Amino acid sequence: MRHVIVASRYAKSLLNLAVEKGVEGTTYTDMKLVAETCGESRDLDLLLKSPIVKSHKKIAILGDIFKGKLNELSQNFINIIISNKREGFLYEIALEYQDQYKTKNAIVTATVTTAEGLDADMKSAVLNLIKGGANSEVELIERTDEDLIGGLILRIGDKQYDGSLQRCLNDLKQEFKNTTHIAN
């Protein structure tokens, strides 16, 4: 619970400052990069949470990692978080910033999983379908899973539509298992 409160407060402060300076969009992109980097690197996570590594070393290391990739506001914000001994929450703060930014700007995140990548026509059709149901901007995340065989799985928020061939085959298999007799 403490993580959520800390992350929410810092993210809200960053969003308000970014709006004030007119860099909320670039800061959103920066926080996506920070979250990806922190989420993918166990070593970085351990470094940030280590009480042995001094704050100035952490600032220098993150400065090198993100050199030329973050705007000034984002870099200064990370330095302040480290100075305030909140670097262990950096990943959560970056995720929370993204959530607050999306809420403020009415952006819906949709994840499409297919057996093969989407071609341009299919991607356009999926985006139009989603935009028709929601009067907001759509951020589309594409994933591939060869186990689906065909079709797609579309997840928007907490709702999921599974139109994959794999699900159809599993449903058919379950129906055969549940059938106790076969009519002649």
N, C-alpha and C. Protein backbone atom coordinates (compact mmCIF):
# COMPACT_ATOMS: atom_id res chain seq x y z
N MET A 1 0.83 -1.20 0.00
CA MET A 1 0.00 0.00 0.00
C MET A 1 0.87 1.25 0.00
N ARG A 2 1.95 1.21 0.76
CA ARG A 2 2.85 2.36 0.84
C ARG A 2 3.43 2.71 -0.52
N HIS A 3 3.76 1.66 -1.32
CA HIS A 3 4.31 1.88 -2.64
C HIS A 3 3.34 2.68 -3.51
N VAL A 4 2.08 2.33 -3.43
CA VAL A 4 1.06 2.98 -4.26
C VAL A 4 0.93 4.45 -3.88
N ILE A 5 0.91 4.75 -2.61
CA ILE A 5 0.76 6.13 -2.14
C ILE A 5 1.96 6.97 -2.55
N VAL A 6 3.15 6.45 -2.30
CA VAL A 6 4.37 7.18 -2.66
C VAL A 6 4.43 7.40 -4.16
N ALA A 7 4.20 6.35 -4.94
CA ALA A 7 4.26 6.45 -6.40
C ALA A 7 3.22 7.44 -6.92
N SER A 8 2.03 7.38 -6.38
CA SER A 8 0.95 8.26 -6.82
C SER A 8 1.28 9.73 -6.56
N ARG A 9 1.82 10.02 -5.39
CA ARG A 9 2.13 11.41 -5.05
C ARG A 9 3.26 11.97 -5.92
N TYR A 10 4.31 11.19 -6.09
CA TYR A 10 5.42 11.66 -6.93
C TYR A 10 4.99 11.79 -8.39
N ALA A 11 4.22 10.82 -8.88
CA ALA A 11 3.77 10.87 -10.27
C ALA A 11 2.85 12.07 -10.50
N LYS A 12 1.98 12.34 -9.55
CA LYS A 12 1.08 13.49 -9.67
C LYS A 12 1.87 14.79 -9.70
N SER A 13 2.87 14.89 -8.84
CA SER A 13 3.71 16.09 -8.82
C SER A 13 4.44 16.26 -10.14
N LEU A 14 4.99 15.16 -10.66
CA LEU A 14 5.70 15.22 -11.94
C LEU A 14 4.76 15.61 -13.07
N LEU A 15 3.57 15.04 -13.09
CA LEU A 15 2.60 15.37 -14.14
C LEU A 15 2.21 16.84 -14.08
N ASN A 16 1.95 17.34 -12.88
CA ASN A 16 1.58 18.75 -12.74
C ASN A 16 2.70 19.67 -13.22
N LEU A 17 3.93 19.34 -12.86
CA LEU A 17 5.07 20.14 -13.29
C LEU A 17 5.28 20.04 -14.80
N ALA A 18 5.10 18.84 -15.35
CA ALA A 18 5.25 18.65 -16.79
C ALA A 18 4.19 19.44 -17.56
N VAL A 19 2.96 19.45 -17.06
CA VAL A 19 1.89 20.23 -17.69
C VAL A 19 2.24 21.72 -17.64
N GLU A 20 2.72 22.16 -16.49
CA GLU A 20 3.08 23.56 -16.31
C GLU A 20 4.18 23.99 -17.28
N LYS A 21 5.13 23.09 -17.52
CA LYS A 21 6.25 23.40 -18.42
C LYS A 21 5.96 23.04 -19.87
N GLY A 22 4.82 22.38 -20.12
CA GLY A 22 4.43 22.03 -21.48
C GLY A 22 5.19 20.86 -22.06
N VAL A 23 5.67 19.96 -21.21
CA VAL A 23 6.44 18.81 -21.69
C VAL A 23 5.84 17.48 -21.21
N GLU A 24 4.53 17.46 -21.01
CA GLU A 24 3.92 16.24 -20.47
C GLU A 24 4.03 15.06 -21.42
N GLY A 25 3.98 15.31 -22.72
CA GLY A 25 4.10 14.24 -23.70
C GLY A 25 5.49 13.63 -23.73
N THR A 26 6.50 14.47 -23.76
CA THR A 26 7.87 13.94 -23.76
C THR A 26 8.20 13.29 -22.43
N THR A 27 7.64 13.81 -21.36
CA THR A 27 7.86 13.20 -20.05
C THR A 27 7.19 11.83 -19.99
N TYR A 28 6.04 11.69 -20.64
CA TYR A 28 5.38 10.39 -20.73
C TYR A 28 6.28 9.38 -21.44
N THR A 29 6.85 9.80 -22.55
CA THR A 29 7.78 8.93 -23.29
C THR A 29 8.99 8.58 -22.42
N ASP A 30 9.48 9.56 -21.69
CA ASP A 30 10.62 9.33 -20.78
C ASP A 30 10.27 8.31 -19.71
N MET A 31 9.09 8.44 -19.12
CA MET A 31 8.69 7.52 -18.05
C MET A 31 8.45 6.11 -18.59
N LYS A 32 8.03 6.00 -19.85
CA LYS A 32 7.93 4.68 -20.47
C LYS A 32 9.31 4.04 -20.57
N LEU A 33 10.29 4.83 -20.97
CA LEU A 33 11.67 4.33 -21.08
C LEU A 33 12.22 3.95 -19.71
N VAL A 34 11.98 4.78 -18.71
CA VAL A 34 12.45 4.49 -17.35
C VAL A 34 11.81 3.20 -16.84
N ALA A 35 10.51 3.05 -17.03
CA ALA A 35 9.82 1.84 -16.57
C ALA A 35 10.33 0.60 -17.29
N GLU A 36 10.52 0.70 -18.60
CA GLU A 36 11.05 -0.44 -19.35
C GLU A 36 12.44 -0.82 -18.87
N THR A 37 13.28 0.18 -18.69
CA THR A 37 14.66 -0.07 -18.26
C THR A 37 14.71 -0.68 -16.86
N CYS A 38 13.95 -0.11 -15.95
CA CYS A 38 13.93 -0.64 -14.57
C CYS A 38 13.29 -2.02 -14.52
N GLY A 39 12.25 -2.23 -15.30
CA GLY A 39 11.55 -3.50 -15.30
C GLY A 39 12.35 -4.64 -15.91
N GLU A 40 13.21 -4.32 -16.86
CA GLU A 40 13.96 -5.35 -17.55
C GLU A 40 15.29 -5.69 -16.89
N SER A 41 15.79 -4.83 -16.03
CA SER A 41 17.11 -5.04 -15.46
C SER A 41 17.04 -5.31 -13.96
N ARG A 42 17.25 -6.56 -13.60
CA ARG A 42 17.27 -6.92 -12.19
C ARG A 42 18.46 -6.26 -11.49
N ASP A 43 19.57 -6.15 -12.19
CA ASP A 43 20.75 -5.51 -11.61
C ASP A 43 20.49 -4.05 -11.26
N LEU A 44 19.79 -3.34 -12.15
CA LEU A 44 19.46 -1.94 -11.89
C LEU A 44 18.51 -1.85 -10.71
N ASP A 45 17.54 -2.74 -10.63
CA ASP A 45 16.61 -2.76 -9.51
C ASP A 45 17.35 -2.97 -8.19
N LEU A 46 18.27 -3.92 -8.18
CA LEU A 46 19.06 -4.18 -6.98
C LEU A 46 19.94 -2.99 -6.61
N LEU A 47 20.52 -2.34 -7.63
CA LEU A 47 21.34 -1.16 -7.38
C LEU A 47 20.52 -0.04 -6.74
N LEU A 48 19.33 0.20 -7.30
CA LEU A 48 18.50 1.29 -6.78
C LEU A 48 18.04 1.03 -5.35
N LYS A 49 17.83 -0.22 -5.00
CA LYS A 49 17.34 -0.56 -3.67
C LYS A 49 18.46 -0.81 -2.66
N SER A 50 19.70 -0.78 -3.12
CA SER A 50 20.83 -1.06 -2.25
C SER A 50 21.15 0.13 -1.34
N PRO A 51 21.19 -0.10 -0.03
CA PRO A 51 21.57 0.99 0.87
C PRO A 51 23.09 1.22 0.90
N ILE A 52 23.84 0.31 0.33
CA ILE A 52 25.30 0.42 0.33
C ILE A 52 25.78 1.43 -0.71
N VAL A 53 25.12 1.48 -1.85
CA VAL A 53 25.52 2.39 -2.93
C VAL A 53 25.02 3.79 -2.57
N LYS A 54 25.93 4.74 -2.57
CA LYS A 54 25.61 6.13 -2.20
C LYS A 54 24.75 6.81 -3.26
N SER A 55 23.99 7.79 -2.83
CA SER A 55 23.07 8.50 -3.72
C SER A 55 23.79 9.13 -4.91
N HIS A 56 24.94 9.74 -4.69
CA HIS A 56 25.64 10.40 -5.79
C HIS A 56 26.09 9.39 -6.85
N LYS A 57 26.41 8.15 -6.42
CA LYS A 57 26.78 7.09 -7.38
C LYS A 57 25.55 6.68 -8.20
N LYS A 58 24.40 6.56 -7.52
CA LYS A 58 23.16 6.19 -8.22
C LYS A 58 22.78 7.25 -9.25
N ILE A 59 22.93 8.51 -8.86
CA ILE A 59 22.63 9.61 -9.78
C ILE A 59 23.56 9.54 -11.00
N ALA A 60 24.84 9.29 -10.74
CA ALA A 60 25.81 9.20 -11.84
C ALA A 60 25.50 8.02 -12.76
N ILE A 61 25.17 6.88 -12.18
CA ILE A 61 24.88 5.69 -12.98
C ILE A 61 23.63 5.90 -13.83
N LEU A 62 22.56 6.39 -13.22
CA LEU A 62 21.33 6.65 -13.99
C LEU A 62 21.55 7.75 -15.02
N GLY A 63 22.39 8.71 -14.67
CA GLY A 63 22.73 9.77 -15.63
C GLY A 63 23.40 9.19 -16.86
N ASP A 64 24.30 8.23 -16.66
CA ASP A 64 24.97 7.57 -17.78
C ASP A 64 24.00 6.71 -18.59
N ILE A 65 23.13 5.99 -17.89
CA ILE A 65 22.17 5.12 -18.59
C ILE A 65 21.23 5.92 -19.48
N PHE A 66 20.73 7.03 -18.96
CA PHE A 66 19.73 7.81 -19.68
C PHE A 66 20.30 9.06 -20.36
N LYS A 67 21.60 9.15 -20.47
CA LYS A 67 22.24 10.34 -21.06
C LYS A 67 21.73 10.58 -22.48
N GLY A 68 21.18 11.77 -22.70
CA GLY A 68 20.67 12.14 -24.01
C GLY A 68 19.33 11.52 -24.37
N LYS A 69 18.76 10.74 -23.47
CA LYS A 69 17.49 10.06 -23.77
C LYS A 69 16.30 10.69 -23.05
N LEU A 70 16.55 11.44 -21.99
CA LEU A 70 15.48 12.03 -21.20
C LEU A 70 15.52 13.55 -21.30
N ASN A 71 14.36 14.18 -21.16
CA ASN A 71 14.36 15.64 -21.12
C ASN A 71 14.88 16.09 -19.76
N GLU A 72 15.15 17.36 -19.65
CA GLU A 72 15.77 17.91 -18.44
C GLU A 72 14.88 17.70 -17.21
N LEU A 73 13.58 17.89 -17.38
CA LEU A 73 12.66 17.71 -16.26
C LEU A 73 12.71 16.29 -15.73
N SER A 74 12.67 15.32 -16.62
CA SER A 74 12.70 13.91 -16.20
C SER A 74 14.00 13.57 -15.50
N GLN A 75 15.12 14.04 -16.04
CA GLN A 75 16.42 13.76 -15.42
C GLN A 75 16.50 14.40 -14.05
N ASN A 76 16.08 15.65 -13.93
CA ASN A 76 16.10 16.32 -12.62
C ASN A 76 15.17 15.64 -11.63
N PHE A 77 14.03 15.18 -12.12
CA PHE A 77 13.07 14.48 -11.26
C PHE A 77 13.69 13.20 -10.69
N ILE A 78 14.36 12.44 -11.54
CA ILE A 78 15.03 11.22 -11.07
C ILE A 78 16.08 11.56 -10.02
N ASN A 79 16.83 12.63 -10.25
CA ASN A 79 17.85 13.05 -9.28
C ASN A 79 17.22 13.41 -7.94
N ILE A 80 16.06 14.08 -7.98
CA ILE A 80 15.37 14.45 -6.74
C ILE A 80 14.87 13.21 -6.01
N ILE A 81 14.33 12.27 -6.77
CA ILE A 81 13.85 11.02 -6.15
C ILE A 81 15.00 10.31 -5.42
N ILE A 82 16.14 10.26 -6.07
CA ILE A 82 17.30 9.61 -5.45
C ILE A 82 17.76 10.41 -4.24
N SER A 83 17.80 11.72 -4.34
CA SER A 83 18.21 12.56 -3.20
C SER A 83 17.27 12.41 -2.01
N ASN A 84 16.00 12.15 -2.30
CA ASN A 84 15.00 11.97 -1.24
C ASN A 84 14.91 10.52 -0.76
N LYS A 85 15.84 9.68 -1.21
CA LYS A 85 15.90 8.26 -0.81
C LYS A 85 14.65 7.49 -1.21
N ARG A 86 14.09 7.83 -2.36
CA ARG A 86 12.90 7.14 -2.87
C ARG A 86 13.20 6.38 -4.16
N GLU A 87 14.48 6.15 -4.45
CA GLU A 87 14.86 5.50 -5.70
C GLU A 87 14.32 4.08 -5.84
N GLY A 88 14.01 3.44 -4.72
CA GLY A 88 13.42 2.11 -4.76
C GLY A 88 12.01 2.11 -5.34
N PHE A 89 11.41 3.29 -5.44
CA PHE A 89 10.06 3.42 -5.98
C PHE A 89 10.06 3.94 -7.42
N LEU A 90 11.22 4.09 -8.03
CA LEU A 90 11.31 4.71 -9.35
C LEU A 90 10.46 3.98 -10.38
N TYR A 91 10.53 2.68 -10.41
CA TYR A 91 9.75 1.89 -11.36
C TYR A 91 8.25 2.14 -11.18
N GLU A 92 7.78 2.07 -9.94
CA GLU A 92 6.36 2.29 -9.65
C GLU A 92 5.93 3.71 -9.98
N ILE A 93 6.80 4.68 -9.72
CA ILE A 93 6.48 6.08 -10.03
C ILE A 93 6.33 6.25 -11.54
N ALA A 94 7.25 5.66 -12.30
CA ALA A 94 7.18 5.76 -13.77
C ALA A 94 5.89 5.14 -14.30
N LEU A 95 5.50 3.98 -13.76
CA LEU A 95 4.25 3.35 -14.19
C LEU A 95 3.04 4.20 -13.81
N GLU A 96 3.07 4.73 -12.62
CA GLU A 96 1.96 5.56 -12.14
C GLU A 96 1.83 6.84 -12.96
N TYR A 97 2.96 7.43 -13.33
CA TYR A 97 2.92 8.62 -14.20
C TYR A 97 2.21 8.28 -15.51
N GLN A 98 2.56 7.14 -16.09
CA GLN A 98 1.93 6.73 -17.34
C GLN A 98 0.42 6.58 -17.16
N ASP A 99 0.00 5.95 -16.07
CA ASP A 99 -1.43 5.78 -15.81
C ASP A 99 -2.14 7.12 -15.66
N GLN A 100 -1.54 8.02 -14.89
CA GLN A 100 -2.16 9.33 -14.67
C GLN A 100 -2.20 10.14 -15.96
N TYR A 101 -1.15 10.05 -16.75
CA TYR A 101 -1.11 10.76 -18.05
C TYR A 101 -2.22 10.23 -18.96
N LYS A 102 -2.35 8.91 -19.03
CA LYS A 102 -3.38 8.31 -19.88
C LYS A 102 -4.78 8.71 -19.42
N THR A 103 -5.01 8.71 -18.13
CA THR A 103 -6.30 9.11 -17.59
C THR A 103 -6.60 10.56 -17.92
N LYS A 104 -5.63 11.43 -17.72
CA LYS A 104 -5.80 12.86 -17.98
C LYS A 104 -6.10 13.12 -19.45
N ASN A 105 -5.45 12.39 -20.34
CA ASN A 105 -5.58 12.63 -21.77
C ASN A 105 -6.52 11.65 -22.47
N ALA A 106 -7.28 10.89 -21.70
CA ALA A 106 -8.27 9.93 -22.23
C ALA A 106 -7.64 8.99 -23.27
N ILE A 107 -6.55 8.36 -22.88
CA ILE A 107 -5.87 7.40 -23.74
C ILE A 107 -6.20 6.00 -23.25
N VAL A 108 -6.66 5.16 -24.17
CA VAL A 108 -6.99 3.78 -23.87
C VAL A 108 -5.86 2.89 -24.38
N THR A 109 -5.40 1.96 -23.55
CA THR A 109 -4.38 1.02 -23.98
C THR A 109 -5.04 -0.28 -24.36
N ALA A 110 -4.75 -0.73 -25.56
CA ALA A 110 -5.28 -1.99 -26.06
C ALA A 110 -4.11 -2.89 -26.43
N THR A 111 -4.20 -4.15 -26.05
CA THR A 111 -3.17 -5.13 -26.39
C THR A 111 -3.78 -6.15 -27.34
N VAL A 112 -3.14 -6.31 -28.49
CA VAL A 112 -3.59 -7.28 -29.48
C VAL A 112 -2.53 -8.36 -29.59
N THR A 113 -2.95 -9.60 -29.36
CA THR A 113 -2.05 -10.74 -29.48
C THR A 113 -2.50 -11.58 -30.66
N THR A 114 -1.58 -11.83 -31.58
CA THR A 114 -1.88 -12.63 -32.76
C THR A 114 -0.79 -13.68 -32.96
N ALA A 115 -1.08 -14.66 -33.82
CA ALA A 115 -0.09 -15.70 -34.11
C ALA A 115 1.06 -15.12 -34.93
N GLU A 116 0.76 -14.17 -35.78
CA GLU A 116 1.75 -13.46 -36.57
C GLU A 116 1.50 -11.97 -36.37
N GLY A 117 2.46 -11.15 -36.71
CA GLY A 117 2.28 -9.70 -36.58
C GLY A 117 1.13 -9.19 -37.43
N LEU A 118 0.54 -8.08 -37.02
CA LEU A 118 -0.55 -7.47 -37.77
C LEU A 118 -0.01 -6.74 -38.99
N ASP A 119 -0.70 -6.88 -40.13
CA ASP A 119 -0.33 -6.07 -41.28
C ASP A 119 -1.01 -4.71 -41.12
N ALA A 120 -0.67 -3.77 -41.97
CA ALA A 120 -1.17 -2.39 -41.84
C ALA A 120 -2.69 -2.32 -41.90
N ASP A 121 -3.32 -3.09 -42.80
CA ASP A 121 -4.78 -3.06 -42.94
C ASP A 121 -5.47 -3.59 -41.69
N MET A 122 -4.96 -4.70 -41.17
CA MET A 122 -5.55 -5.29 -39.98
C MET A 122 -5.36 -4.37 -38.77
N LYS A 123 -4.20 -3.78 -38.66
CA LYS A 123 -3.93 -2.85 -37.56
C LYS A 123 -4.89 -1.66 -37.62
N SER A 124 -5.09 -1.13 -38.81
CA SER A 124 -6.02 -0.02 -39.00
C SER A 124 -7.44 -0.43 -38.64
N ALA A 125 -7.84 -1.63 -39.02
CA ALA A 125 -9.19 -2.12 -38.71
C ALA A 125 -9.38 -2.28 -37.21
N VAL A 126 -8.38 -2.81 -36.53
CA VAL A 126 -8.46 -2.98 -35.07
C VAL A 126 -8.54 -1.61 -34.38
N LEU A 127 -7.71 -0.67 -34.82
CA LEU A 127 -7.74 0.67 -34.24
C LEU A 127 -9.10 1.34 -34.46
N ASN A 128 -9.65 1.22 -35.64
CA ASN A 128 -10.97 1.81 -35.92
C ASN A 128 -12.06 1.16 -35.08
N LEU A 129 -11.97 -0.15 -34.90
CA LEU A 129 -12.94 -0.86 -34.07
C LEU A 129 -12.90 -0.35 -32.63
N ILE A 130 -11.71 -0.19 -32.10
CA ILE A 130 -11.55 0.27 -30.72
C ILE A 130 -11.98 1.72 -30.59
N LYS A 131 -11.58 2.57 -31.53
CA LYS A 131 -11.94 3.99 -31.48
C LYS A 131 -13.44 4.19 -31.59
N GLY A 132 -14.11 3.30 -32.32
CA GLY A 132 -15.57 3.39 -32.46
C GLY A 132 -16.27 3.15 -31.14
N GLY A 133 -15.70 2.31 -30.28
CA GLY A 133 -16.31 1.99 -28.99
C GLY A 133 -15.90 2.94 -27.88
N ALA A 134 -14.84 3.68 -28.09
CA ALA A 134 -14.36 4.60 -27.06
C ALA A 134 -13.98 5.92 -27.73
N ASN A 135 -14.49 7.00 -27.18
CA ASN A 135 -14.17 8.31 -27.73
C ASN A 135 -12.86 8.82 -27.14
N SER A 136 -11.80 8.11 -27.45
CA SER A 136 -10.50 8.50 -26.92
C SER A 136 -9.39 8.01 -27.84
N GLU A 137 -8.21 8.47 -27.56
CA GLU A 137 -7.04 8.03 -28.31
C GLU A 137 -6.69 6.61 -27.88
N VAL A 138 -6.15 5.83 -28.80
CA VAL A 138 -5.83 4.44 -28.50
C VAL A 138 -4.33 4.21 -28.64
N GLU A 139 -3.75 3.60 -27.62
CA GLU A 139 -2.36 3.17 -27.67
C GLU A 139 -2.40 1.66 -27.87
N LEU A 140 -1.91 1.21 -29.02
CA LEU A 140 -1.99 -0.20 -29.38
C LEU A 140 -0.66 -0.89 -29.13
N ILE A 141 -0.71 -1.96 -28.34
CA ILE A 141 0.46 -2.79 -28.08
C ILE A 141 0.25 -4.10 -28.81
N GLU A 142 1.21 -4.45 -29.65
CA GLU A 142 1.11 -5.68 -30.43
C GLU A 142 2.02 -6.75 -29.84
N ARG A 143 1.48 -7.95 -29.70
CA ARG A 143 2.25 -9.10 -29.24
C ARG A 143 1.99 -10.26 -30.17
N THR A 144 2.95 -11.17 -30.25
CA THR A 144 2.75 -12.38 -31.04
C THR A 144 2.89 -13.60 -30.15
N ASP A 145 2.05 -14.59 -30.43
CA ASP A 145 2.06 -15.86 -29.71
C ASP A 145 1.69 -16.93 -30.72
N GLU A 146 2.67 -17.70 -31.13
CA GLU A 146 2.45 -18.72 -32.17
C GLU A 146 1.48 -19.81 -31.72
N ASP A 147 1.28 -19.97 -30.42
CA ASP A 147 0.36 -20.99 -29.91
C ASP A 147 -1.10 -20.67 -30.25
N LEU A 148 -1.40 -19.43 -30.62
CA LEU A 148 -2.78 -19.06 -30.94
C LEU A 148 -3.26 -19.70 -32.24
N ILE A 149 -2.36 -20.10 -33.08
CA ILE A 149 -2.62 -20.73 -34.39
C ILE A 149 -3.19 -19.70 -35.37
N GLY A 150 -4.21 -19.00 -34.99
CA GLY A 150 -4.85 -17.99 -35.84
C GLY A 150 -5.78 -17.14 -35.01
N GLY A 151 -6.35 -16.12 -35.61
CA GLY A 151 -7.25 -15.23 -34.88
C GLY A 151 -6.47 -14.24 -34.03
N LEU A 152 -7.15 -13.67 -33.03
CA LEU A 152 -6.49 -12.70 -32.16
C LEU A 152 -7.14 -12.65 -30.80
N ILE A 153 -6.39 -12.11 -29.85
CA ILE A 153 -6.91 -11.82 -28.52
C ILE A 153 -6.75 -10.32 -28.34
N LEU A 154 -7.85 -9.65 -28.01
CA LEU A 154 -7.86 -8.20 -27.83
C LEU A 154 -8.19 -7.91 -26.37
N ARG A 155 -7.30 -7.18 -25.70
CA ARG A 155 -7.51 -6.80 -24.30
C ARG A 155 -7.52 -5.27 -24.22
N ILE A 156 -8.63 -4.74 -23.68
CA ILE A 156 -8.77 -3.32 -23.45
C ILE A 156 -9.13 -3.14 -21.99
N GLY A 157 -8.20 -2.59 -21.23
CA GLY A 157 -8.42 -2.45 -19.80
C GLY A 157 -8.58 -3.81 -19.16
N ASP A 158 -9.71 -4.02 -18.49
CA ASP A 158 -9.95 -5.31 -17.83
C ASP A 158 -10.87 -6.21 -18.65
N LYS A 159 -11.15 -5.83 -19.89
CA LYS A 159 -12.01 -6.64 -20.77
C LYS A 159 -11.15 -7.33 -21.81
N GLN A 160 -11.55 -8.56 -22.14
CA GLN A 160 -10.79 -9.32 -23.12
C GLN A 160 -11.74 -10.03 -24.08
N TYR A 161 -11.42 -9.94 -25.36
CA TYR A 161 -12.13 -10.69 -26.40
C TYR A 161 -11.13 -11.70 -26.95
N ASP A 162 -11.48 -12.97 -26.85
CA ASP A 162 -10.59 -14.03 -27.33
C ASP A 162 -11.21 -14.65 -28.57
N GLY A 163 -10.71 -14.24 -29.71
CA GLY A 163 -11.17 -14.78 -30.99
C GLY A 163 -10.10 -15.64 -31.63
N SER A 164 -9.33 -16.32 -30.79
CA SER A 164 -8.23 -17.14 -31.32
C SER A 164 -8.73 -18.53 -31.68
N LEU A 165 -8.06 -19.12 -32.63
CA LEU A 165 -8.37 -20.48 -33.04
C LEU A 165 -8.06 -21.46 -31.90
N GLN A 166 -7.06 -21.15 -31.13
CA GLN A 166 -6.70 -21.99 -29.99
C GLN A 166 -7.87 -22.09 -29.00
N ARG A 167 -8.53 -20.95 -28.71
CA ARG A 167 -9.67 -20.97 -27.79
C ARG A 167 -10.83 -21.77 -28.38
N CYS A 168 -11.06 -21.60 -29.66
CA CYS A 168 -12.14 -22.36 -30.32
C CYS A 168 -11.89 -23.86 -30.23
N LEU A 169 -10.66 -24.26 -30.46
CA LEU A 169 -10.31 -25.69 -30.36
C LEU A 169 -10.44 -26.19 -28.92
N ASN A 170 -10.03 -25.37 -27.96
CA ASN A 170 -10.17 -25.76 -26.55
C ASN A 170 -11.63 -25.88 -26.15
N ASP A 171 -12.47 -24.96 -26.64
CA ASP A 171 -13.91 -25.02 -26.36
C ASP A 171 -14.52 -26.29 -26.95
N LEU A 172 -14.13 -26.62 -28.17
CA LEU A 172 -14.62 -27.82 -28.83
C LEU A 172 -14.17 -29.07 -28.08
N LYS A 173 -12.94 -29.08 -27.65
CA LYS A 173 -12.39 -30.20 -26.87
C LYS A 173 -13.18 -30.37 -25.57
N GLN A 174 -13.47 -29.26 -24.89
CA GLN A 174 -14.23 -29.31 -23.64
C GLN A 174 -15.64 -29.80 -23.89
N GLU A 175 -16.24 -29.39 -24.99
CA GLU A 175 -17.59 -29.83 -25.33
C GLU A 175 -17.63 -31.34 -25.56
N PHE A 176 -16.61 -31.86 -26.25
CA PHE A 176 -16.53 -33.30 -26.46
C PHE A 176 -16.37 -34.05 -25.14
N LYS A 177 -15.61 -33.49 -24.21
CA LYS A 177 -15.42 -34.12 -22.90
C LYS A 177 -16.72 -34.15 -22.11
N ASN A 178 -17.52 -33.11 -22.25
CA ASN A 178 -18.75 -32.99 -21.48
C ASN A 178 -19.90 -33.79 -22.10
N THR A 179 -19.77 -34.21 -23.33
CA THR A 179 -20.82 -34.97 -24.01
C THR A 179 -20.74 -36.43 -23.55
N THR A 180 -21.83 -36.93 -22.98
CA THR A 180 -21.84 -38.29 -22.46
C THR A 180 -22.34 -39.31 -23.48
N HIS A 181 -23.03 -38.86 -24.48
CA HIS A 181 -23.50 -39.77 -25.51
C HIS A 181 -23.45 -39.09 -26.87
N ILE A 182 -23.44 -39.90 -27.89
CA ILE A 182 -23.44 -39.39 -29.26
C ILE A 182 -24.67 -39.93 -29.95
N ALA A 183 -25.46 -39.05 -30.52
CA ALA A 183 -26.69 -39.46 -31.20
C ALA A 183 -26.35 -40.08 -32.55
N ASN A 184 -27.10 -41.15 -32.91
CA ASN A 184 -26.88 -41.80 -34.21
C ASN A 184 -27.59 -41.07 -35.30
